[in-house]
Amino acid sequence: MKSEYYVQGSAATPYLLSLERTMDRLTISCSCKAGVNNTLCKHRLALLSGNFVGASAAPGSTLDGIRDLVNGSDIESLYQEFLVIDRELGELKARHGKTKKLLARTMRGS
C-alpha cells in the first residue's frame, strides 16, 4: 500500500512525502533536502505526529490513511520510543540550564 502527500515547507514548491507499507515494514520518504540526504526531517515527524498543517493528500490518498499505515508498523514503536526520549531530553536540558546558572551564581558568591 502506497500513499503520497504534499507538505508546504520553506521552498516554493511543496515537498512530496511517500509512505509505503509492505507487511509490517513502513518506509517514509520526503523530497526535502534532509529527506533526500536520508536524515530525519521535520516533515516526516509532523505527519507521524498527526500534524497535518500545510499538508494535502495526493490523488488516491487521504490524510486519515496515515494513521492506518503507521499502526502496527515497524515505525510505530520506534516513534513512540523517540517521543519518550525527546521529552526526557527536553527535561534534562532544562535541568542542565538551571544547574549551570546556579553553579555560576554560586561561583560568584551570590
C-alpha atoms as a PDB file:
ATOM      1  CA  MET A   1       0.000   0.000   0.000  1.00  0.00           C
ATOM      2  CA  LYS A   2       1.411   3.380  -1.000  1.00  0.00           C
ATOM      3  CA  SER A   3       0.189   6.888  -0.224  1.00  0.00           C
ATOM      4  CA  GLU A   4       1.583  10.274  -1.176  1.00  0.00           C
ATOM      5  CA  TYR A   5       1.229  13.669   0.429  1.00  0.00           C
ATOM      6  CA  TYR A   6       2.365  17.207  -0.224  1.00  0.00           C
ATOM      7  CA  VAL A   7       3.668  19.369   2.599  1.00  0.00           C
ATOM      8  CA  GLN A   8       4.363  23.061   2.232  1.00  0.00           C
ATOM      9  CA  GLY A   9       7.796  23.751   3.651  1.00  0.00           C
ATOM     10  CA  SER A  10      10.201  26.633   3.228  1.00  0.00           C
ATOM     11  CA  ALA A  11      10.564  26.068  -0.528  1.00  0.00           C
ATOM     12  CA  ALA A  12       8.086  27.494  -3.038  1.00  0.00           C
ATOM     13  CA  THR A  13       7.208  24.014  -4.255  1.00  0.00           C
ATOM     14  CA  PRO A  14       5.626  21.670  -1.699  1.00  0.00           C
ATOM     15  CA  TYR A  15       7.649  18.620  -0.647  1.00  0.00           C
ATOM     16  CA  LEU A  16       6.428  15.182  -1.646  1.00  0.00           C
ATOM     17  CA  LEU A  17       6.168  12.589   1.115  1.00  0.00           C
ATOM     18  CA  SER A  18       5.680   8.974   0.108  1.00  0.00           C
ATOM     19  CA  LEU A  19       4.575   6.296   2.567  1.00  0.00           C
ATOM     20  CA  GLU A  20       4.736   2.681   1.502  1.00  0.00           C
ATOM     21  CA  ARG A  21       3.761  -0.275   3.645  1.00  0.00           C
ATOM     22  CA  THR A  22       4.590  -3.896   2.944  1.00  0.00           C
ATOM     23  CA  MET A  23       3.549  -6.260   5.731  1.00  0.00           C
ATOM     24  CA  ASP A  24       4.947  -4.657   8.946  1.00  0.00           C
ATOM     25  CA  ARG A  25       7.544  -2.553   7.127  1.00  0.00           C
ATOM     26  CA  LEU A  26       6.780   1.114   6.538  1.00  0.00           C
ATOM     27  CA  THR A  27       9.060   3.381   4.544  1.00  0.00           C
ATOM     28  CA  ILE A  28       8.580   7.139   4.511  1.00  0.00           C
ATOM     29  CA  SER A  29      10.498   9.360   2.130  1.00  0.00           C
ATOM     30  CA  CYS A  30      10.481  13.129   1.738  1.00  0.00           C
ATOM     31  CA  SER A  31      11.745  15.241  -1.150  1.00  0.00           C
ATOM     32  CA  CYS A  32      13.165  17.966   1.148  1.00  0.00           C
ATOM     33  CA  LYS A  33      16.938  18.368   1.446  1.00  0.00           C
ATOM     34  CA  ALA A  34      17.126  16.450   4.742  1.00  0.00           C
ATOM     35  CA  GLY A  35      14.920  13.682   3.369  1.00  0.00           C
ATOM     36  CA  VAL A  36      16.945  13.332   0.194  1.00  0.00           C
ATOM     37  CA  ASN A  37      20.077  13.065   2.380  1.00  0.00           C
ATOM     38  CA  ASN A  38      18.420  10.231   4.352  1.00  0.00           C
ATOM     39  CA  THR A  39      18.217  12.156   7.612  1.00  0.00           C
ATOM     40  CA  LEU A  40      15.090  12.551   9.715  1.00  0.00           C
ATOM     41  CA  CYS A  41      13.167  15.620   8.618  1.00  0.00           C
ATOM     42  CA  LYS A  42      10.505  17.661  10.377  1.00  0.00           C
ATOM     43  CA  HIS A  43       8.001  16.919   7.613  1.00  0.00           C
ATOM     44  CA  ARG A  44       8.022  13.176   8.293  1.00  0.00           C
ATOM     45  CA  LEU A  45       7.840  13.791  12.041  1.00  0.00           C
ATOM     46  CA  ALA A  46       4.897  16.149  11.550  1.00  0.00           C
ATOM     47  CA  LEU A  47       2.932  13.538   9.618  1.00  0.00           C
ATOM     48  CA  LEU A  48       3.734  10.881  12.226  1.00  0.00           C
ATOM     49  CA  SER A  49       2.531  13.206  14.991  1.00  0.00           C
ATOM     50  CA  GLY A  50      -0.751  13.862  13.208  1.00  0.00           C
ATOM     51  CA  ASN A  51       0.145  17.494  12.489  1.00  0.00           C
ATOM     52  CA  PHE A  52      -1.301  17.974   9.011  1.00  0.00           C
ATOM     53  CA  VAL A  53      -0.958  21.764   8.887  1.00  0.00           C
ATOM     54  CA  GLY A  54       0.209  22.639   5.380  1.00  0.00           C
ATOM     55  CA  ALA A  55      -0.291  19.038   4.232  1.00  0.00           C
ATOM     56  CA  SER A  56      -2.542  17.743   1.500  1.00  0.00           C
ATOM     57  CA  ALA A  57      -3.137  14.270   0.176  1.00  0.00           C
ATOM     58  CA  ALA A  58      -2.168  13.424  -3.382  1.00  0.00           C
ATOM     59  CA  PRO A  59      -4.918  11.921  -5.546  1.00  0.00           C
ATOM     60  CA  GLY A  60      -5.825   8.458  -4.260  1.00  0.00           C
ATOM     61  CA  SER A  61      -4.533   9.155  -0.729  1.00  0.00           C
ATOM     62  CA  THR A  62      -6.199  10.565   2.383  1.00  0.00           C
ATOM     63  CA  LEU A  63      -4.664  12.228   5.432  1.00  0.00           C
ATOM     64  CA  ASP A  64      -6.719   9.873   7.603  1.00  0.00           C
ATOM     65  CA  GLY A  65      -4.915   6.962   5.948  1.00  0.00           C
ATOM     66  CA  ILE A  66      -1.574   7.921   7.505  1.00  0.00           C
ATOM     67  CA  ARG A  67      -2.545   6.557  10.925  1.00  0.00           C
ATOM     68  CA  ASP A  68      -3.640   3.273   9.317  1.00  0.00           C
ATOM     69  CA  LEU A  69      -0.254   2.940   7.628  1.00  0.00           C
ATOM     70  CA  VAL A  70       1.661   3.669  10.850  1.00  0.00           C
ATOM     71  CA  ASN A  71      -0.392   1.499  13.224  1.00  0.00           C
ATOM     72  CA  GLY A  72       1.244  -1.909  13.659  1.00  0.00           C
ATOM     73  CA  SER A  73       4.252  -0.995  11.522  1.00  0.00           C
ATOM     74  CA  ASP A  74       7.926  -1.228  12.450  1.00  0.00           C
ATOM     75  CA  ILE A  75       7.975   2.556  12.755  1.00  0.00           C
ATOM     76  CA  GLU A  76       5.148   2.817  15.296  1.00  0.00           C
ATOM     77  CA  SER A  77       7.061   1.557  18.352  1.00  0.00           C
ATOM     78  CA  LEU A  78      10.270   3.350  17.352  1.00  0.00           C
ATOM     79  CA  TYR A  79       8.371   6.609  17.003  1.00  0.00           C
ATOM     80  CA  GLN A  80       6.828   6.138  20.461  1.00  0.00           C
ATOM     81  CA  GLU A  81      10.299   5.490  21.917  1.00  0.00           C
ATOM     82  CA  PHE A  82      11.600   8.592  20.108  1.00  0.00           C
ATOM     83  CA  LEU A  83       8.852  10.695  21.718  1.00  0.00           C
ATOM     84  CA  VAL A  84       9.709   9.432  25.209  1.00  0.00           C
ATOM     85  CA  ILE A  85      13.417  10.099  24.725  1.00  0.00           C
ATOM     86  CA  ASP A  86      12.736  13.512  23.173  1.00  0.00           C
ATOM     87  CA  ARG A  87      10.630  14.506  26.217  1.00  0.00           C
ATOM     88  CA  GLU A  88      13.315  13.228  28.608  1.00  0.00           C
ATOM     89  CA  LEU A  89      15.968  15.125  26.682  1.00  0.00           C
ATOM     90  CA  GLY A  90      13.957  18.335  26.994  1.00  0.00           C
ATOM     91  CA  GLU A  91      13.654  17.818  30.741  1.00  0.00           C
ATOM     92  CA  LEU A  92      17.391  17.149  31.055  1.00  0.00           C
ATOM     93  CA  LYS A  93      18.230  20.266  29.039  1.00  0.00           C
ATOM     94  CA  ALA A  94      16.041  22.351  31.354  1.00  0.00           C
ATOM     95  CA  ARG A  95      17.693  20.854  34.461  1.00  0.00           C
ATOM     96  CA  HIS A  96      21.116  21.380  32.913  1.00  0.00           C
ATOM     97  CA  GLY A  97      20.375  25.059  32.237  1.00  0.00           C
ATOM     98  CA  LYS A  98      19.095  25.691  35.769  1.00  0.00           C
ATOM     99  CA  THR A  99      22.051  23.889  37.356  1.00  0.00           C
ATOM    100  CA  LYS A 100      24.520  25.758  35.160  1.00  0.00           C
ATOM    101  CA  LYS A 101      23.049  29.120  36.237  1.00  0.00           C
ATOM    102  CA  LEU A 102      23.076  28.075  39.898  1.00  0.00           C
ATOM    103  CA  LEU A 103      26.682  26.941  39.596  1.00  0.00           C
ATOM    104  CA  ALA A 104      27.675  30.275  38.040  1.00  0.00           C
ATOM    105  CA  ARG A 105      25.890  32.252  40.804  1.00  0.00           C
ATOM    106  CA  THR A 106      27.485  30.072  43.487  1.00  0.00           C
ATOM    107  CA  MET A 107      30.943  30.557  41.972  1.00  0.00           C
ATOM    108  CA  ARG A 108      30.433  34.332  42.041  1.00  0.00           C
ATOM    109  CA  GLY A 109      29.471  34.098  45.686  1.00  0.00           C
ATOM    110  CA  SER A 110      25.950  35.414  45.058  1.00  0.00           C
END
